[in-house]
Amino acid sequence: MVEALAKELQLQHDFLSTTELTSIYFGGGTPSLLTPEQLDLLFTTISKLFTWSEQAEITLEANPDDLTDEKLNQLAQSPINRLSIGTQSFQASELQLMNRAHTAAEALSSIKRAQDKGFHRLNIDLIYGMPGSTLLSWQANVEQFLSLQIPHLSSYCLTVEPRTALAHQIEQGKIKLPDEDTIAAQYHFLHDQLCEAGYAHYEISNFALPNALAQHNTSYWQGAPYLGVGPSAHSYVPGKRQWNIAHNAKYLQAIAANTLPTETETLDTTTAFNEYLLTHLRTHWGVDLTFVHRQFGPTYAKHLRLAAKPYLEQQQLYLQGDTLLLEPKAWLVSDGIISDLFQ
């Protein structure tokens, strides 16, 4: 698989119009299982096709239980300069309910050891709305995060996937999810505490200290081109989207035959407009109405103003000059609002 990823990079090298990268991201699974030799093969291939500066953000997603001292030493000697650690919770009971491989102690020690090894560009994930969680247990998670002085946090509400052990236990009444009011209280508590501590709430699920915004995710939200490599990976340049087949064996077979297992879509004006709303209204940059008029035309600008009017009157949206933004109280219902603004 790693050899196929390297080969796909070579086959895809013309997809991006630039050869200078601002971000490289290893994610979409458990890339912390990669050996030094495997990482070296990928970086060697990338360096033959692209360049990147010392300021480029090079991120590896990692499970806490993978971040042994040996692994951290290996990563510190690689070009990787940022870790995104799947902490999920610092509460033992919540991790057990999620069937996570790591313990609460490992969650905490993995972060401290990464910092000791010189990884100061860190993100962790925390999940709110956990089964059995309360505002008090969530407060303990948030306070633990703040005590660690981590520059970036991604926080998501628990999604219960169908046909999983957790879904089965909830259906049988063995596990109970918090009610909507508790979930909303957890989210707003997180916002209040982190903003008070100097973090920017710059996207619905993301917080960062000054100069610590995630370059990679910000590129997605601002519509920058990106190349995704591997089974089911997505790529984008303005006006065009591309995705790989979501089947490992067929992916490997295609790459071995020097063919790209991809499908492509040319984005029409309506799709591009809707995607602009979807990505930008989630952020503190908001939707630029002047840009909408210039980029998509007067018909789309008029539609947006009319569709936004009820939400402006309900104070779920607000205008700052010519920029349309979500009110904080509307963050938890943003998907419904954004879809109502679609053309």
Protein backbone atom coordinates (compact mmCIF):
# COMPACT_ATOMS: atom_id res chain seq x y z
CA MET A 1 0.00 0.00 0.00
CA VAL A 2 2.75 2.48 0.89
CA GLU A 3 4.53 1.73 -2.39
CA ALA A 4 1.23 2.33 -4.19
CA LEU A 5 0.84 5.69 -2.43
CA ALA A 6 4.30 6.69 -3.61
CA LYS A 7 3.50 5.58 -7.14
CA GLU A 8 0.18 7.46 -7.14
CA LEU A 9 2.03 10.63 -6.12
CA GLN A 10 4.13 10.26 -9.26
CA LEU A 11 1.06 9.60 -11.44
CA GLN A 12 -0.78 12.59 -9.93
CA HIS A 13 2.09 15.11 -9.90
CA ASP A 14 0.46 17.31 -12.57
CA PHE A 15 -2.84 17.67 -10.67
CA LEU A 16 -1.63 20.71 -8.73
CA SER A 17 -0.49 23.75 -10.69
CA THR A 18 2.11 24.60 -8.04
CA THR A 19 5.13 22.59 -6.94
CA GLU A 20 5.47 24.41 -3.58
CA LEU A 21 3.46 22.92 -0.74
CA THR A 22 2.26 24.76 2.36
CA SER A 23 0.86 21.64 4.02
CA ILE A 24 1.37 17.88 4.01
CA TYR A 25 -1.12 15.83 6.02
CA PHE A 26 -0.95 12.14 6.94
CA GLY A 27 -4.45 11.16 8.02
CA GLY A 28 -7.52 9.19 7.15
CA GLY A 29 -6.74 6.16 9.32
CA THR A 30 -3.84 5.37 11.62
CA PRO A 31 -0.70 6.75 9.94
CA SER A 32 1.13 6.62 13.27
CA LEU A 33 1.57 2.90 12.46
CA LEU A 34 3.89 3.77 9.55
CA THR A 35 7.51 2.75 10.07
CA PRO A 36 10.40 5.22 9.60
CA GLU A 37 11.26 3.45 6.33
CA GLN A 38 7.71 3.83 5.02
CA LEU A 39 7.56 7.51 5.95
CA ASP A 40 10.96 8.02 4.35
CA LEU A 41 9.75 6.48 1.08
CA LEU A 42 6.78 8.87 1.00
CA PHE A 43 8.84 11.95 1.88
CA THR A 44 11.51 11.02 -0.67
CA THR A 45 8.83 10.72 -3.35
CA ILE A 46 7.18 14.00 -2.35
CA SER A 47 10.53 15.84 -2.35
CA LYS A 48 11.20 14.71 -5.94
CA LEU A 49 7.92 16.21 -7.11
CA PHE A 50 7.39 19.20 -4.82
CA THR A 51 9.18 21.62 -2.53
CA TRP A 52 8.14 22.95 0.87
CA SER A 53 9.56 25.63 3.11
CA GLU A 54 10.50 25.40 6.77
CA GLN A 55 7.19 27.14 7.54
CA ALA A 56 5.14 24.39 5.88
CA GLU A 57 2.82 22.48 8.21
CA ILE A 58 3.51 18.73 8.10
CA THR A 59 0.98 16.88 10.23
CA LEU A 60 0.62 13.25 11.31
CA GLU A 61 -2.54 11.93 12.90
CA ALA A 62 -1.64 9.67 15.82
CA ASN A 63 -3.33 7.44 18.36
CA PRO A 64 -2.13 8.07 21.94
CA ASP A 65 -1.14 4.43 22.43
CA ASP A 66 1.14 4.58 19.36
CA LEU A 67 3.19 7.49 20.70
CA THR A 68 5.85 5.57 22.57
CA ASP A 69 9.20 7.22 23.30
CA GLU A 70 10.71 5.24 20.42
CA LYS A 71 7.99 6.36 18.00
CA LEU A 72 8.29 10.00 19.10
CA ASN A 73 12.07 9.90 18.65
CA GLN A 74 11.57 8.55 15.12
CA LEU A 75 8.99 11.21 14.27
CA ALA A 76 11.18 13.98 15.69
CA GLN A 77 13.90 12.99 13.20
CA SER A 78 11.46 13.16 10.27
CA PRO A 79 10.11 16.28 8.50
CA ILE A 80 6.88 16.00 10.55
CA ASN A 81 6.47 19.12 12.70
CA ARG A 82 2.86 18.81 13.92
CA LEU A 83 0.92 16.01 15.57
CA SER A 84 -2.86 15.62 15.73
CA ILE A 85 -3.56 13.25 18.61
CA GLY A 86 -6.87 11.39 18.82
CA THR A 87 -7.32 11.89 22.55
CA GLN A 88 -11.17 11.93 22.51
CA SER A 89 -11.43 12.21 26.32
CA PHE A 90 -9.36 12.29 29.51
CA GLN A 91 -12.09 10.33 31.37
CA ALA A 92 -11.50 6.59 31.76
CA SER A 93 -15.22 5.72 31.76
CA GLU A 94 -15.83 7.61 28.50
CA LEU A 95 -12.88 5.97 26.75
CA GLN A 96 -14.14 2.55 27.82
CA LEU A 97 -17.61 3.29 26.45
CA MET A 98 -16.01 4.36 23.15
CA ASN A 99 -13.98 1.14 23.12
CA ARG A 100 -10.79 3.14 22.61
CA ALA A 101 -7.47 1.31 22.69
CA HIS A 102 -5.81 3.92 24.91
CA THR A 103 -6.36 4.67 28.57
CA ALA A 104 -6.89 8.05 30.23
CA ALA A 105 -3.30 7.88 31.52
CA GLU A 106 -1.99 7.23 28.00
CA ALA A 107 -4.08 10.13 26.66
CA LEU A 108 -2.37 12.48 29.07
CA SER A 109 1.16 11.06 28.88
CA SER A 110 1.20 10.95 25.06
CA ILE A 111 0.67 14.73 24.95
CA LYS A 112 3.27 15.50 27.62
CA ARG A 113 5.86 13.23 26.02
CA ALA A 114 5.22 14.74 22.58
CA GLN A 115 5.82 18.20 24.07
CA ASP A 116 9.00 16.96 25.77
CA LYS A 117 10.24 15.71 22.38
CA GLY A 118 9.82 19.18 20.89
CA PHE A 119 6.39 18.85 19.26
CA HIS A 120 4.86 22.19 20.21
CA ARG A 121 2.61 22.35 17.14
CA LEU A 122 -0.07 20.07 18.50
CA ASN A 123 -3.76 19.43 18.01
CA ILE A 124 -5.91 17.06 20.02
CA ASP A 125 -9.47 15.88 19.44
CA LEU A 126 -12.06 15.94 22.23
CA ILE A 127 -15.62 14.64 21.89
CA TYR A 128 -18.60 16.12 23.70
CA GLY A 129 -22.04 14.51 24.02
CA MET A 130 -20.48 11.26 25.24
CA PRO A 131 -22.77 8.63 26.82
CA GLY A 132 -23.05 9.29 30.53
CA SER A 133 -21.24 12.61 30.28
CA THR A 134 -22.39 15.64 32.24
CA LEU A 135 -21.45 19.29 32.21
CA LEU A 136 -19.22 18.50 35.19
CA SER A 137 -17.32 15.67 33.45
CA TRP A 138 -16.96 17.81 30.32
CA GLN A 139 -15.64 20.67 32.46
CA ALA A 140 -12.90 18.32 33.71
CA ASN A 141 -11.93 17.52 30.10
CA VAL A 142 -11.78 21.20 29.15
CA GLU A 143 -9.78 22.15 32.25
CA GLN A 144 -7.31 19.33 31.56
CA PHE A 145 -6.88 20.56 27.98
CA LEU A 146 -6.23 24.14 29.10
CA SER A 147 -3.70 23.01 31.70
CA LEU A 148 -1.62 21.36 28.94
CA GLN A 149 -1.25 24.60 26.93
CA ILE A 150 -1.95 22.88 23.62
CA PRO A 151 -2.24 25.47 20.81
CA HIS A 152 -5.08 23.84 18.84
CA LEU A 153 -8.24 21.88 19.61
CA SER A 154 -10.74 20.10 17.36
CA SER A 155 -13.92 19.20 19.24
CA TYR A 156 -16.86 17.28 17.81
CA CYS A 157 -20.19 15.99 19.04
CA LEU A 158 -20.32 12.21 19.28
CA THR A 159 -21.67 10.58 16.13
CA VAL A 160 -23.17 7.13 16.74
CA GLU A 161 -22.54 5.06 13.63
CA PRO A 162 -25.20 2.46 12.77
CA ARG A 163 -24.48 -1.23 13.29
CA THR A 164 -21.76 -0.57 15.88
CA ALA A 165 -21.53 -1.98 19.39
CA LEU A 166 -22.28 1.47 20.81
CA ALA A 167 -25.38 1.87 18.63
CA HIS A 168 -26.60 -1.57 19.74
CA GLN A 169 -26.14 -0.73 23.42
CA ILE A 170 -28.02 2.56 23.00
CA GLU A 171 -30.88 0.81 21.17
CA GLN A 172 -31.16 -1.71 24.03
CA GLY A 173 -31.19 1.05 26.62
CA LYS A 174 -27.94 -0.11 28.24
CA ILE A 175 -26.28 3.24 27.50
CA LYS A 176 -27.98 6.62 27.49
CA LEU A 177 -26.84 9.67 25.54
CA PRO A 178 -27.07 13.11 27.16
CA ASP A 179 -30.10 15.18 26.20
CA GLU A 180 -29.83 18.03 23.69
CA ASP A 181 -29.75 20.71 26.39
CA THR A 182 -26.75 19.05 28.07
CA ILE A 183 -24.94 18.70 24.74
CA ALA A 184 -25.57 22.38 23.92
CA ALA A 185 -24.38 23.40 27.39
CA GLN A 186 -21.16 21.41 26.92
CA TYR A 187 -20.50 23.07 23.57
CA HIS A 188 -21.13 26.60 24.80
CA PHE A 189 -19.07 25.97 27.95
CA LEU A 190 -16.16 24.93 25.69
CA HIS A 191 -16.54 28.10 23.62
CA ASP A 192 -16.69 30.39 26.65
CA GLN A 193 -13.72 28.82 28.43
CA LEU A 194 -11.41 28.69 25.43
CA CYS A 195 -12.23 32.19 24.21
CA GLU A 196 -11.57 33.50 27.71
CA ALA A 197 -8.20 31.70 27.60
CA GLY A 198 -7.22 33.48 24.36
CA TYR A 199 -8.24 30.89 21.75
CA ALA A 200 -9.96 31.96 18.54
CA HIS A 201 -13.10 29.94 17.78
CA TYR A 202 -12.32 30.16 14.08
CA GLU A 203 -14.47 27.29 12.80
CA ILE A 204 -17.47 25.57 14.34
CA SER A 205 -15.38 22.66 15.65
CA ASN A 206 -11.92 24.27 15.87
CA PHE A 207 -10.10 26.56 18.27
CA ALA A 208 -6.57 27.95 18.05
CA LEU A 209 -4.19 30.24 19.88
CA PRO A 210 -2.77 33.17 17.86
CA ASN A 211 -0.61 31.94 14.93
CA ALA A 212 -1.70 28.33 15.51
CA LEU A 213 -4.59 27.98 13.04
CA ALA A 214 -4.41 24.67 11.16
CA GLN A 215 -3.02 25.50 7.73
CA HIS A 216 -4.35 22.29 6.24
CA ASN A 217 -7.97 22.56 7.35
CA THR A 218 -8.01 26.29 6.69
CA SER A 219 -7.04 25.52 3.08
CA TYR A 220 -10.15 23.33 2.77
CA TRP A 221 -12.44 26.01 4.19
CA GLN A 222 -10.95 28.74 2.00
CA GLY A 223 -11.18 26.74 -1.21
CA ALA A 224 -7.47 26.20 -1.84
CA PRO A 225 -6.40 23.36 -4.19
CA TYR A 226 -5.33 20.07 -2.59
CA LEU A 227 -4.25 16.62 -3.69
CA GLY A 228 -5.41 13.54 -1.80
CA VAL A 229 -3.60 10.23 -2.25
CA GLY A 230 -4.82 6.72 -1.36
CA PRO A 231 -8.08 4.75 -1.47
CA SER A 232 -11.16 7.02 -1.21
CA ALA A 233 -8.98 10.16 -1.05
CA HIS A 234 -10.48 13.35 -2.48
CA SER A 235 -8.69 16.10 -4.42
CA TYR A 236 -9.78 19.55 -5.50
CA VAL A 237 -8.82 22.41 -7.76
CA PRO A 238 -11.22 25.30 -8.49
CA GLY A 239 -13.96 23.99 -10.76
CA LYS A 240 -13.01 20.32 -10.44
CA ARG A 241 -13.25 17.59 -7.82
CA GLN A 242 -11.62 14.18 -8.01
CA TRP A 243 -11.86 11.09 -5.79
CA ASN A 244 -10.24 7.68 -5.68
CA ILE A 245 -12.06 4.38 -5.53
CA ALA A 246 -12.94 3.32 -1.97
CA HIS A 247 -11.67 -0.24 -2.35
CA ASN A 248 -8.15 -1.24 -1.33
CA ALA A 249 -7.67 -4.21 -3.66
CA LYS A 250 -9.03 -2.39 -6.72
CA TYR A 251 -6.95 0.67 -5.84
CA LEU A 252 -3.75 -1.42 -5.68
CA GLN A 253 -4.62 -3.20 -8.92
CA ALA A 254 -5.13 0.08 -10.79
CA ILE A 255 -1.93 1.68 -9.51
CA ALA A 256 0.05 -1.46 -10.42
CA ALA A 257 -1.28 -1.03 -13.98
CA ASN A 258 -0.15 2.65 -14.00
CA THR A 259 -3.73 3.89 -14.11
CA LEU A 260 -5.47 6.27 -11.73
CA PRO A 261 -8.54 4.75 -10.00
CA THR A 262 -10.32 8.10 -10.00
CA GLU A 263 -13.62 9.69 -10.83
CA THR A 264 -13.94 13.40 -11.53
CA GLU A 265 -16.69 15.99 -11.36
CA THR A 266 -16.70 19.39 -13.02
CA LEU A 267 -18.41 21.79 -10.65
CA ASP A 268 -21.18 23.88 -12.18
CA THR A 269 -21.89 27.37 -10.84
CA THR A 270 -24.65 26.23 -8.47
CA THR A 271 -22.52 23.47 -6.92
CA ALA A 272 -19.56 25.84 -6.54
CA PHE A 273 -21.84 28.46 -4.91
CA ASN A 274 -23.30 25.92 -2.47
CA GLU A 275 -19.85 24.62 -1.55
CA TYR A 276 -18.64 28.17 -0.94
CA LEU A 277 -21.50 28.68 1.53
CA LEU A 278 -20.92 25.31 3.17
CA THR A 279 -17.24 25.91 3.84
CA HIS A 280 -17.15 29.63 4.57
CA LEU A 281 -20.19 30.07 6.78
CA ARG A 282 -18.68 27.53 9.19
CA THR A 283 -15.78 29.90 9.89
CA HIS A 284 -15.19 33.25 11.52
CA TRP A 285 -14.33 34.64 8.07
CA GLY A 286 -17.95 34.17 6.99
CA VAL A 287 -19.47 34.66 3.54
CA ASP A 288 -18.34 37.71 1.56
CA LEU A 289 -21.43 39.03 -0.23
CA THR A 290 -19.33 41.19 -2.54
CA PHE A 291 -17.35 38.10 -3.59
CA VAL A 292 -20.58 36.16 -4.17
CA HIS A 293 -21.83 38.89 -6.53
CA ARG A 294 -18.52 39.07 -8.39
CA GLN A 295 -17.83 35.32 -8.56
CA PHE A 296 -21.30 33.83 -9.06
CA GLY A 297 -23.33 36.74 -10.42
CA PRO A 298 -26.28 38.93 -9.35
CA THR A 299 -28.85 36.12 -9.43
CA TYR A 300 -26.96 34.14 -6.76
CA ALA A 301 -26.28 37.26 -4.69
CA LYS A 302 -29.99 38.16 -4.71
CA HIS A 303 -30.98 34.59 -3.81
CA LEU A 304 -28.58 34.59 -0.85
CA ARG A 305 -29.82 37.90 0.54
CA LEU A 306 -33.46 36.74 0.31
CA ALA A 307 -32.74 33.31 1.81
CA ALA A 308 -30.72 34.86 4.66
CA LYS A 309 -33.37 37.45 5.58
CA PRO A 310 -35.46 35.22 7.93
CA TYR A 311 -32.32 34.10 9.78
CA LEU A 312 -31.13 37.70 10.10
CA GLU A 313 -34.51 38.62 11.59
CA GLN A 314 -34.28 35.65 13.99
CA GLN A 315 -30.74 36.77 14.92
CA GLN A 316 -29.22 33.45 13.87
CA LEU A 317 -27.20 35.23 11.19
CA TYR A 318 -25.74 38.72 11.29
CA LEU A 319 -24.03 41.12 8.92
CA GLN A 320 -20.65 42.69 9.57
CA GLY A 321 -20.28 45.12 6.71
CA ASP A 322 -20.72 42.95 3.61
CA THR A 323 -19.86 39.73 5.45
CA LEU A 324 -22.55 37.24 6.48
CA LEU A 325 -21.80 35.32 9.69
CA LEU A 326 -23.43 32.80 12.03
CA GLU A 327 -24.44 33.96 15.49
CA PRO A 328 -22.79 31.79 18.18
CA LYS A 329 -26.19 30.54 19.37
CA ALA A 330 -26.81 29.11 15.87
CA TRP A 331 -23.60 27.06 15.59
CA LEU A 332 -25.27 23.84 16.70
CA VAL A 333 -27.98 24.17 14.02
CA SER A 334 -25.65 25.48 11.31
CA ASP A 335 -26.18 22.56 8.91
CA GLY A 336 -29.90 23.30 8.65
CA ILE A 337 -29.34 27.02 8.16
CA ILE A 338 -26.65 26.55 5.52
CA SER A 339 -28.73 24.03 3.56
CA ASP A 340 -31.62 26.51 3.53
CA LEU A 341 -29.30 29.08 1.93
CA PHE A 342 -28.30 26.72 -0.89
CA GLN A 343 -29.41 27.55 -4.43
